[in-house]
């Protein structure tokens, strides 16, 4: 119990005690006997005793009255203190009530702030959703506009003219004893390796009614123990009477020679201790065999009955590619003359191999210079494109206006054969020579190649 409660209990007890004492004194006064005459009282001893007893009782009553008076005064003091404490308690209660009201007001204000905070959080979430939706719509719109812009640029007239839909149609057939088809195309999807080959007569030859002098070849080199693809481009000399036959003979003879020396080439290429010296010797031997086969084309037409090398001059560029899945694919580039091997990576064309590393070497030709074959090992990464090119085609791919056009159409794609021939035969001003190229796409593994099909 509180201090105030105890004080009230003490006050009630003191009042009860005073009332009881007052009642006792009043009862004694009423029971006292009447006083006898003085003469009689003095005469009787019993009366004297009673008188003395009365006096004693009177003194006791007086003391009791004094004590009661003190108790009453103490009661008044206690009552004053109780009233003070009561007033203090009332003030404290009032303060507590005011504090409780203030706390209630603060609690209500806090609830209002929390409600407002939740409303603001919901507003922020709503605006964030609207912002995200707006960004998504904006990105979709940007992609749509970029796609439309790319389509418009592809359709628009530019350095290369409109998008070709078919190879150019010659206006006359070639004349001469060494004529062949105006254009040729070949290709295959070999799992992770996709290859396309095309050769088209140049503008100048079409205008003059001359025949195509280039040839391309794709062969699976089954004699090499590891699965290997042979790609080749042969560019005949414009001055040679039998340059087309010589180019075709060079490609087919190269496939024969690779098969003849396939086991040795496999060991030199893929063996644990591949010997570059042995590889170079095998390539020289193979190219000399090609040269011998080419000379059969003009046997007996030269002075004294020998072969006429000037009529069959050919620049030959070959590429051996290891097939199968792999993150780094091995290749061997080799050749004689001014052909080139280009690589398309990250949208940029670059020359990675040329048989002749100087101007005199670029003028070498088969069959006379078969022993001066150049070669180089190289690797590609998934996504790379290799292009074995005749000189006019290499020049076209490395041009600032034409190179990006071809890169945009060949990067990461598997073009159809007709589409590939159309793109090789795009109407663009060039040196006028035949355009011949073998393109090889390296997708790393077969699953990526399948997903890249247009």
Protein backbone atom coordinates (compact mmCIF):
# COMPACT_ATOMS: atom_id res chain seq x y z
CA UNK A 1 0.00 0.00 0.00
CA UNK A 2 1.07 3.62 -0.56
CA UNK A 3 2.17 6.08 2.19
CA UNK A 4 -1.08 8.00 1.90
CA UNK A 5 -3.13 4.90 2.65
CA UNK A 6 -1.12 4.16 5.81
CA UNK A 7 -1.54 7.73 7.06
CA UNK A 8 -5.30 7.58 6.61
CA UNK A 9 -5.44 4.29 8.57
CA UNK A 10 -3.43 5.82 11.49
CA UNK A 11 -5.72 8.86 11.57
CA UNK A 12 -8.83 6.69 11.80
CA UNK A 13 -7.31 4.60 14.64
CA UNK A 14 -6.42 7.72 16.68
CA UNK A 15 -9.95 9.12 16.33
CA UNK A 16 -11.45 5.80 17.44
CA UNK A 17 -9.13 5.72 20.52
CA UNK A 18 -10.10 9.29 21.56
CA UNK A 19 -13.80 8.52 21.21
CA UNK A 20 -13.45 5.39 23.38
CA UNK A 21 -11.53 7.28 26.11
CA UNK A 22 -14.06 10.10 26.20
CA UNK A 23 -16.92 7.62 26.58
CA UNK A 24 -15.18 5.88 29.51
CA UNK A 25 -14.66 9.17 31.44
CA UNK A 26 -18.26 10.18 30.93
CA UNK A 27 -19.48 6.84 32.31
CA UNK A 28 -17.42 7.18 35.51
CA UNK A 29 -18.70 10.65 36.22
CA UNK A 30 -22.26 9.47 36.03
CA UNK A 31 -21.61 6.57 38.43
CA UNK A 32 -19.98 8.70 41.18
CA UNK A 33 -22.10 8.84 44.55
CA UNK A 34 -23.32 12.19 45.95
CA UNK A 35 -20.99 14.01 48.31
CA UNK A 36 -21.83 13.84 52.06
CA UNK A 37 -21.80 16.83 54.30
CA UNK A 38 -18.34 17.95 55.36
CA UNK A 39 -18.93 17.18 58.94
CA UNK A 40 -19.97 13.70 58.03
CA UNK A 41 -17.09 13.13 55.64
CA UNK A 42 -14.53 14.16 58.12
CA UNK A 43 -16.01 12.04 60.66
CA UNK A 44 -16.01 8.79 58.68
CA UNK A 45 -12.82 7.05 57.67
CA UNK A 46 -14.58 5.28 54.84
CA UNK A 47 -15.68 8.57 53.48
CA UNK A 48 -12.13 9.82 53.58
CA UNK A 49 -10.96 6.83 51.63
CA UNK A 50 -13.61 7.30 49.02
CA UNK A 51 -12.71 10.95 48.78
CA UNK A 52 -9.04 10.10 48.27
CA UNK A 53 -9.97 7.52 45.69
CA UNK A 54 -12.10 10.10 43.92
CA UNK A 55 -9.26 12.53 43.91
CA UNK A 56 -6.97 9.92 42.44
CA UNK A 57 -9.50 9.10 39.78
CA UNK A 58 -9.94 12.81 39.12
CA UNK A 59 -6.20 13.17 38.64
CA UNK A 60 -6.19 10.17 36.38
CA UNK A 61 -9.08 11.63 34.42
CA UNK A 62 -7.27 14.91 34.12
CA UNK A 63 -4.14 13.14 32.92
CA UNK A 64 -6.29 11.12 30.56
CA UNK A 65 -7.91 14.35 29.35
CA UNK A 66 -4.49 15.91 28.86
CA UNK A 67 -3.37 12.81 27.04
CA UNK A 68 -6.52 12.91 24.91
CA UNK A 69 -5.88 16.58 24.19
CA UNK A 70 -2.33 15.67 23.08
CA UNK A 71 -3.71 12.88 20.97
CA UNK A 72 -6.21 15.28 19.42
CA UNK A 73 -3.43 17.74 18.66
CA UNK A 74 -1.33 14.89 17.20
CA UNK A 75 -4.37 13.88 15.23
CA UNK A 76 -4.68 17.43 13.90
CA UNK A 77 -0.99 17.40 12.94
CA UNK A 78 -1.33 14.01 11.29
CA UNK A 79 -4.47 15.20 9.59
CA UNK A 80 -2.58 18.25 8.27
CA UNK A 81 0.22 16.03 7.01
CA UNK A 82 -2.34 13.69 5.47
CA UNK A 83 -4.00 16.64 3.78
CA UNK A 84 -0.60 17.82 2.48
CA UNK A 85 0.18 14.36 1.21
CA UNK A 86 -3.29 14.13 -0.27
CA UNK A 87 -2.81 17.48 -2.02
CA UNK A 88 0.63 16.32 -3.22
CA UNK A 89 -0.89 13.03 -4.40
CA UNK A 90 -3.63 14.93 -6.19
CA UNK A 91 -1.01 17.17 -7.82
CA UNK A 92 1.01 14.12 -8.78
CA UNK A 93 -2.16 12.47 -10.08
CA UNK A 94 -2.91 15.60 -12.08
CA UNK A 95 0.64 15.59 -13.41
CA UNK A 96 0.29 11.88 -14.18
CA UNK A 97 -2.96 12.53 -15.97
CA UNK A 98 -1.36 15.33 -17.94
CA UNK A 99 1.61 13.06 -18.71
CA UNK A 100 -0.77 10.28 -19.72
CA UNK A 101 -2.64 12.66 -21.99
CA UNK A 102 0.66 13.87 -23.46
CA UNK A 103 1.80 10.25 -23.93
CA UNK A 104 -1.51 9.44 -25.59
CA UNK A 105 -1.13 12.45 -27.85
CA UNK A 106 2.45 11.42 -28.69
CA UNK A 107 1.27 7.86 -29.35
CA UNK A 108 -1.43 9.14 -31.67
CA UNK A 109 1.09 11.41 -33.40
CA UNK A 110 3.48 8.44 -33.77
CA UNK A 111 0.70 6.35 -35.30
CA UNK A 112 -0.05 9.18 -37.70
CA UNK A 113 3.66 9.41 -38.63
CA UNK A 114 3.82 5.63 -39.15
CA UNK A 115 0.71 5.73 -41.32
CA UNK A 116 2.21 8.56 -43.36
CA UNK A 117 5.50 6.68 -43.62
CA UNK A 118 3.72 3.58 -44.94
CA UNK A 119 1.88 5.76 -47.44
CA UNK A 120 5.19 7.30 -48.56
CA UNK A 121 6.83 3.86 -48.85
CA UNK A 122 3.92 2.65 -50.97
CA UNK A 123 4.23 5.78 -53.10
CA UNK A 124 7.97 5.15 -53.52
CA UNK A 125 7.32 1.51 -54.52
CA UNK A 126 4.65 2.61 -56.98
CA UNK A 127 6.91 5.22 -58.50
CA UNK A 128 9.78 2.69 -58.66
CA UNK A 129 7.52 0.26 -60.52
CA UNK A 130 6.47 3.05 -62.87
CA UNK A 131 10.14 3.98 -63.39
CA UNK A 132 11.13 0.34 -64.07
CA UNK A 133 8.21 -0.07 -66.45
CA UNK A 134 9.21 3.15 -68.18
CA UNK A 135 12.83 2.01 -68.47
CA UNK A 136 11.73 -1.36 -69.85
CA UNK A 137 9.49 0.31 -72.38
CA UNK A 138 12.24 2.78 -73.26
CA UNK A 139 14.79 -0.02 -73.74
CA UNK A 140 12.32 -1.98 -75.85
CA UNK A 141 11.69 1.13 -77.91
CA UNK A 142 15.44 1.73 -78.26
CA UNK A 143 15.99 -1.86 -79.40
CA UNK A 144 13.12 -1.53 -81.85
CA UNK A 145 14.53 1.72 -83.23
CA UNK A 146 18.04 0.24 -83.43
CA UNK A 147 16.66 -2.78 -85.29
CA UNK A 148 14.69 -0.55 -87.64
CA UNK A 149 17.75 1.65 -88.15
CA UNK A 150 19.92 -1.40 -88.88
CA UNK A 151 17.32 -2.68 -91.35
CA UNK A 152 17.09 0.76 -92.95
CA UNK A 153 20.87 1.01 -93.21
CA UNK A 154 21.02 -2.48 -94.70
CA UNK A 155 18.37 -1.53 -97.27
CA UNK A 156 19.71 1.93 -97.93
CA UNK A 157 22.03 2.79 -100.76
CA UNK A 158 25.59 2.85 -99.47
CA UNK A 159 29.14 2.15 -100.60
CA UNK A 160 28.12 -1.40 -101.47
CA UNK A 161 24.74 -0.63 -102.98
CA UNK A 162 21.48 -2.36 -101.96
CA UNK A 163 21.26 -5.69 -100.20
CA UNK A 164 22.03 -8.40 -102.80
CA UNK A 165 19.34 -11.05 -103.13
CA UNK A 166 20.98 -13.18 -105.83
CA UNK A 167 24.31 -13.39 -107.66
CA UNK A 168 24.77 -10.98 -110.50
CA UNK A 169 23.68 -12.42 -113.83
CA UNK A 170 26.37 -12.33 -116.54
CA UNK A 171 25.38 -10.61 -119.79
CA UNK A 172 27.44 -12.98 -121.94
CA UNK A 173 29.10 -16.36 -121.71
CA UNK A 174 32.88 -16.57 -121.59
CA UNK A 175 34.78 -17.64 -124.70
CA UNK A 176 37.95 -19.69 -125.03
CA UNK A 177 39.09 -23.27 -124.65
CA UNK A 178 39.51 -23.05 -120.82
CA UNK A 179 36.06 -21.82 -119.90
CA UNK A 180 34.18 -22.91 -116.76
CA UNK A 181 31.09 -21.92 -114.80
CA UNK A 182 30.68 -18.21 -114.03
CA UNK A 183 30.34 -18.94 -110.30
CA UNK A 184 30.60 -21.89 -107.95
CA UNK A 185 29.60 -22.44 -104.32
CA UNK A 186 30.11 -25.22 -101.80
CA UNK A 187 29.84 -25.70 -98.06
CA UNK A 188 29.08 -27.93 -95.10
CA UNK A 189 28.05 -27.74 -91.43
CA UNK A 190 30.58 -29.95 -89.63
CA UNK A 191 29.32 -29.71 -86.05
CA UNK A 192 31.24 -26.87 -84.40
CA UNK A 193 32.91 -25.94 -87.70
CA UNK A 194 30.84 -24.35 -90.46
CA UNK A 195 32.47 -23.81 -93.84
CA UNK A 196 31.33 -22.03 -97.01
CA UNK A 197 33.28 -21.68 -100.27
CA UNK A 198 32.47 -19.50 -103.28
CA UNK A 199 34.20 -18.33 -106.43
CA UNK A 200 32.71 -15.72 -108.78
CA UNK A 201 33.98 -14.24 -112.06
CA UNK A 202 35.23 -10.68 -111.69
CA UNK A 203 33.56 -7.64 -113.23
CA UNK A 204 36.37 -7.08 -115.70
CA UNK A 205 36.29 -10.69 -116.92
CA UNK A 206 32.51 -10.50 -117.37
CA UNK A 207 32.78 -7.27 -119.28
CA UNK A 208 35.50 -8.65 -121.57
CA UNK A 209 33.86 -12.05 -121.97
CA UNK A 210 36.78 -13.83 -120.33
CA UNK A 211 36.51 -16.97 -118.23
CA UNK A 212 36.92 -17.33 -114.46
CA UNK A 213 40.49 -18.23 -113.49
CA UNK A 214 40.04 -19.10 -109.78
CA UNK A 215 39.09 -22.35 -108.07
CA UNK A 216 38.12 -23.33 -104.51
CA UNK A 217 38.24 -26.68 -102.74
CA UNK A 218 36.76 -28.29 -99.61
CA UNK A 219 37.88 -31.81 -98.70
CA UNK A 220 37.81 -34.02 -95.61
CA UNK A 221 41.42 -35.20 -95.19
CA UNK A 222 40.55 -38.72 -94.11
CA UNK A 223 44.16 -39.94 -94.38
CA UNK A 224 45.20 -37.74 -91.45
CA UNK A 225 44.48 -39.72 -88.22
CA UNK A 226 42.74 -36.81 -86.49
CA UNK A 227 39.58 -35.42 -88.21
CA UNK A 228 40.90 -32.62 -90.42
CA UNK A 229 39.37 -30.32 -93.05
CA UNK A 230 41.35 -29.11 -96.06
CA UNK A 231 40.36 -25.74 -97.56
CA UNK A 232 42.10 -24.23 -100.58
CA UNK A 233 41.86 -21.24 -102.90
CA UNK A 234 43.82 -21.16 -106.17
CA UNK A 235 44.01 -17.90 -108.14
CA UNK A 236 45.11 -18.28 -111.75
CA UNK A 237 47.14 -15.65 -113.54
CA UNK A 238 45.11 -13.28 -115.78
CA UNK A 239 47.74 -13.79 -118.50
CA UNK A 240 47.66 -17.58 -118.43
CA UNK A 241 45.87 -19.35 -121.26
CA UNK A 242 45.18 -22.38 -119.07
CA UNK A 243 44.97 -20.61 -115.70
CA UNK A 244 41.51 -21.92 -114.82
CA UNK A 245 42.41 -25.52 -115.56
CA UNK A 246 45.68 -25.03 -113.70
CA UNK A 247 43.85 -23.59 -110.65
CA UNK A 248 41.38 -26.47 -110.62
CA UNK A 249 44.21 -29.00 -111.08
CA UNK A 250 46.19 -27.36 -108.25
CA UNK A 251 43.27 -27.72 -105.80
CA UNK A 252 42.50 -31.33 -106.70
CA UNK A 253 46.18 -32.30 -106.72
CA UNK A 254 46.65 -30.66 -103.31
CA UNK A 255 43.94 -32.91 -101.88
CA UNK A 256 45.73 -35.92 -103.40
CA UNK A 257 49.11 -34.92 -101.97
CA UNK A 258 47.66 -34.26 -98.48
CA UNK A 259 46.16 -37.76 -98.60
CA UNK A 260 49.47 -39.27 -99.71
CA UNK A 261 51.39 -37.71 -96.82
CA UNK A 262 48.49 -37.67 -94.38
CA UNK A 263 50.03 -39.90 -91.71
CA UNK A 264 53.24 -37.87 -91.58
CA UNK A 265 51.30 -34.59 -91.58
CA UNK A 266 49.16 -35.89 -88.70
CA UNK A 267 52.22 -36.70 -86.59
CA UNK A 268 53.85 -33.36 -87.37
CA UNK A 269 50.65 -31.43 -86.71
CA UNK A 270 49.09 -33.17 -83.71
CA UNK A 271 51.81 -35.41 -82.30
CA UNK A 272 53.14 -34.82 -78.77
CA UNK A 273 56.53 -33.87 -80.22
CA UNK A 274 55.49 -32.25 -83.51
CA UNK A 275 58.54 -31.48 -85.62
CA UNK A 276 58.40 -28.18 -87.52
CA UNK A 277 61.30 -29.24 -89.68
CA UNK A 278 59.50 -32.41 -90.74
CA UNK A 279 56.30 -30.42 -91.30
CA UNK A 280 58.05 -27.95 -93.60
CA UNK A 281 59.67 -30.78 -95.57
CA UNK A 282 56.32 -32.54 -96.04
CA UNK A 283 54.68 -29.34 -97.27
CA UNK A 284 57.45 -28.70 -99.79
CA UNK A 285 57.19 -32.26 -101.05
CA UNK A 286 53.40 -31.99 -101.34
CA UNK A 287 53.58 -28.68 -103.25
CA UNK A 288 56.20 -30.09 -105.59
CA UNK A 289 53.79 -32.93 -106.34
CA UNK A 290 51.09 -30.32 -107.04
CA UNK A 291 53.47 -28.50 -109.41
CA UNK A 292 54.22 -31.71 -111.29
CA UNK A 293 50.49 -32.38 -111.72
CA UNK A 294 49.90 -28.82 -112.97
CA UNK A 295 52.57 -29.17 -115.66
CA UNK A 296 50.63 -32.03 -117.17
CA UNK A 297 48.00 -29.50 -118.27
CA UNK A 298 50.38 -27.89 -120.81
CA UNK A 299 52.70 -30.82 -121.49
CA UNK A 300 54.18 -30.45 -124.97
CA UNK A 301 53.07 -26.82 -125.42
CA UNK A 302 56.33 -25.18 -124.33
CA UNK A 303 59.51 -24.67 -126.36
CA UNK A 304 61.09 -28.04 -127.04
CA UNK A 305 57.94 -29.90 -126.00
CA UNK A 306 58.17 -29.13 -122.25
CA UNK A 307 55.34 -27.63 -120.16
CA UNK A 308 54.56 -23.93 -120.53
CA UNK A 309 54.74 -22.62 -116.92
CA UNK A 310 53.67 -19.09 -117.93
CA UNK A 311 50.32 -20.43 -119.14
CA UNK A 312 49.51 -22.14 -115.82
CA UNK A 313 50.77 -19.77 -113.13
CA UNK A 314 48.70 -20.09 -109.95
CA UNK A 315 48.85 -18.58 -106.42
CA UNK A 316 47.75 -21.28 -104.00
CA UNK A 317 46.66 -20.85 -100.35
CA UNK A 318 45.63 -23.84 -98.20
CA UNK A 319 44.33 -24.37 -94.68
CA UNK A 320 44.24 -27.55 -92.59
CA UNK A 321 41.72 -27.32 -89.71
CA UNK A 322 41.31 -29.78 -86.87
CA UNK A 323 37.64 -30.64 -86.39
CA UNK A 324 35.74 -31.55 -83.19
CA UNK A 325 34.69 -29.51 -80.16
CA UNK A 326 37.38 -27.35 -78.63
CA UNK A 327 37.88 -23.97 -77.00
CA UNK A 328 41.07 -23.41 -79.05
CA UNK A 329 41.09 -24.84 -82.56
CA UNK A 330 44.37 -25.68 -84.31
CA UNK A 331 45.03 -24.69 -87.92
CA UNK A 332 47.91 -24.89 -90.37
CA UNK A 333 48.00 -22.22 -93.09
CA UNK A 334 50.37 -22.65 -96.04
CA UNK A 335 50.78 -21.53 -99.61
CA UNK A 336 52.70 -19.83 -102.40
CA UNK A 337 51.94 -16.38 -103.84
CA UNK A 338 49.83 -13.38 -102.88
CA UNK A 339 46.78 -15.09 -101.35
CA UNK A 340 45.88 -14.33 -97.74
CA UNK A 341 44.23 -15.77 -94.65
CA UNK A 342 42.09 -13.18 -92.80
CA UNK A 343 40.44 -13.44 -89.38
CA UNK A 344 37.24 -11.74 -88.28
CA UNK A 345 37.18 -11.13 -84.52
CA UNK A 346 35.10 -8.56 -82.62
CA UNK A 347 33.85 -7.12 -85.92
CA UNK A 348 37.34 -6.37 -87.29
CA UNK A 349 39.18 -8.04 -90.17
CA UNK A 350 42.92 -8.66 -89.88
CA UNK A 351 45.45 -10.56 -91.96
CA UNK A 352 46.90 -13.45 -89.93
CA UNK A 353 48.85 -15.19 -92.68
CA UNK A 354 50.21 -14.37 -96.13
CA UNK A 355 52.41 -16.91 -97.95
CA UNK A 356 54.83 -14.16 -98.97
CA UNK A 357 56.04 -11.85 -96.19
CA UNK A 358 57.65 -9.43 -98.67
CA UNK A 359 56.90 -8.00 -102.10
CA UNK A 360 59.20 -10.42 -103.99
CA UNK A 361 57.66 -13.40 -102.20
CA UNK A 362 54.15 -12.26 -103.11
CA UNK A 363 55.04 -12.60 -106.79
CA UNK A 364 55.90 -16.30 -106.43
CA UNK A 365 53.70 -18.76 -108.31
CA UNK A 366 53.22 -22.45 -108.84
CA UNK A 367 54.58 -24.52 -110.47
CA UNK A 368 57.94 -22.77 -110.65
CA UNK A 369 58.22 -21.80 -106.96
CA UNK A 370 56.76 -24.91 -105.27
CA UNK A 371 59.82 -25.34 -103.05
CA UNK A 372 59.37 -21.85 -101.56
CA UNK A 373 56.16 -22.64 -99.71
CA UNK A 374 55.37 -20.55 -96.63
CA UNK A 375 53.42 -21.90 -93.64
CA UNK A 376 52.31 -21.00 -90.12
CA UNK A 377 50.48 -22.65 -87.21
CA UNK A 378 47.62 -20.67 -85.65
CA UNK A 379 44.63 -21.10 -83.34
CA UNK A 380 41.13 -19.64 -83.26
CA UNK A 381 38.66 -19.04 -80.45
CA UNK A 382 34.90 -19.68 -80.49
CA UNK A 383 33.26 -16.93 -82.51
CA UNK A 384 36.20 -16.35 -84.85
CA UNK A 385 35.80 -16.47 -88.63
CA UNK A 386 38.70 -17.38 -90.94
CA UNK A 387 38.67 -16.44 -94.63
CA UNK A 388 41.06 -18.00 -97.16
CA UNK A 389 41.02 -15.37 -99.90
CA UNK A 390 42.22 -14.68 -103.40
CA UNK A 391 43.99 -11.28 -103.63
CA UNK A 392 40.94 -9.28 -104.90
CA UNK A 393 38.71 -10.75 -102.18
CA UNK A 394 41.29 -10.05 -99.44
CA UNK A 395 41.58 -6.46 -100.67
CA UNK A 396 37.79 -6.09 -100.56
CA UNK A 397 37.47 -7.44 -96.99
CA UNK A 398 40.21 -5.12 -95.72
CA UNK A 399 38.66 -2.00 -97.23
CA UNK A 400 37.19 0.53 -94.77
CA UNK A 401 33.88 0.73 -96.64
CA UNK A 402 33.40 -2.93 -97.55
CA UNK A 403 34.94 -4.80 -94.61
CA UNK A 404 32.29 -3.79 -92.03
CA UNK A 405 29.54 -4.71 -94.50
CA UNK A 406 30.83 -8.28 -94.81
CA UNK A 407 31.59 -8.46 -91.06
CA UNK A 408 28.00 -7.54 -90.18
CA UNK A 409 26.67 -10.38 -92.39
CA UNK A 410 29.16 -13.10 -91.51
CA UNK A 411 29.87 -12.63 -87.79
CA UNK A 412 28.25 -15.42 -85.73
CA UNK A 413 26.12 -16.72 -88.62
CA UNK A 414 25.73 -19.83 -90.75
CA UNK A 415 24.65 -18.33 -94.11
CA UNK A 416 22.86 -20.43 -96.67
CA UNK A 417 24.92 -21.33 -99.72
CA UNK A 418 22.97 -19.04 -102.03
CA UNK A 419 23.15 -16.17 -99.55
CA UNK A 420 26.89 -16.63 -99.19
CA UNK A 421 27.41 -16.57 -102.97
CA UNK A 422 25.22 -13.46 -103.24
CA UNK A 423 27.28 -11.66 -100.61
CA UNK A 424 30.57 -12.63 -102.26
CA UNK A 425 29.14 -11.36 -105.54
CA UNK A 426 27.87 -8.04 -104.11
CA UNK A 427 27.91 -5.25 -106.73
CA UNK A 428 30.74 -3.03 -105.54
CA UNK A 429 33.52 -1.37 -107.48
CA UNK A 430 36.76 -3.29 -107.03
CA UNK A 431 39.91 -4.22 -108.90
CA UNK A 432 37.80 -6.42 -111.15
CA UNK A 433 39.57 -9.72 -110.47
CA UNK A 434 37.80 -12.95 -109.59
CA UNK A 435 36.46 -13.16 -106.03
CA UNK A 436 37.20 -16.48 -104.38
CA UNK A 437 36.98 -17.22 -100.66
CA UNK A 438 36.58 -20.09 -98.21
CA UNK A 439 35.05 -18.92 -94.91
CA UNK A 440 35.30 -21.05 -91.80
CA UNK A 441 33.20 -20.33 -88.68
CA UNK A 442 34.54 -21.66 -85.37
CA UNK A 443 31.70 -22.08 -82.83
CA UNK A 444 33.72 -24.01 -80.24
CA UNK A 445 31.17 -26.78 -79.86
CA UNK A 446 28.32 -28.13 -81.95
CA UNK A 447 25.53 -26.85 -79.69
CA UNK A 448 26.52 -23.23 -80.24
CA UNK A 449 26.74 -23.83 -83.98
CA UNK A 450 23.19 -25.15 -84.11
CA UNK A 451 21.85 -22.15 -82.19
CA UNK A 452 23.53 -19.79 -84.66
CA UNK A 453 21.62 -21.04 -87.69
CA UNK A 454 19.72 -18.12 -89.38
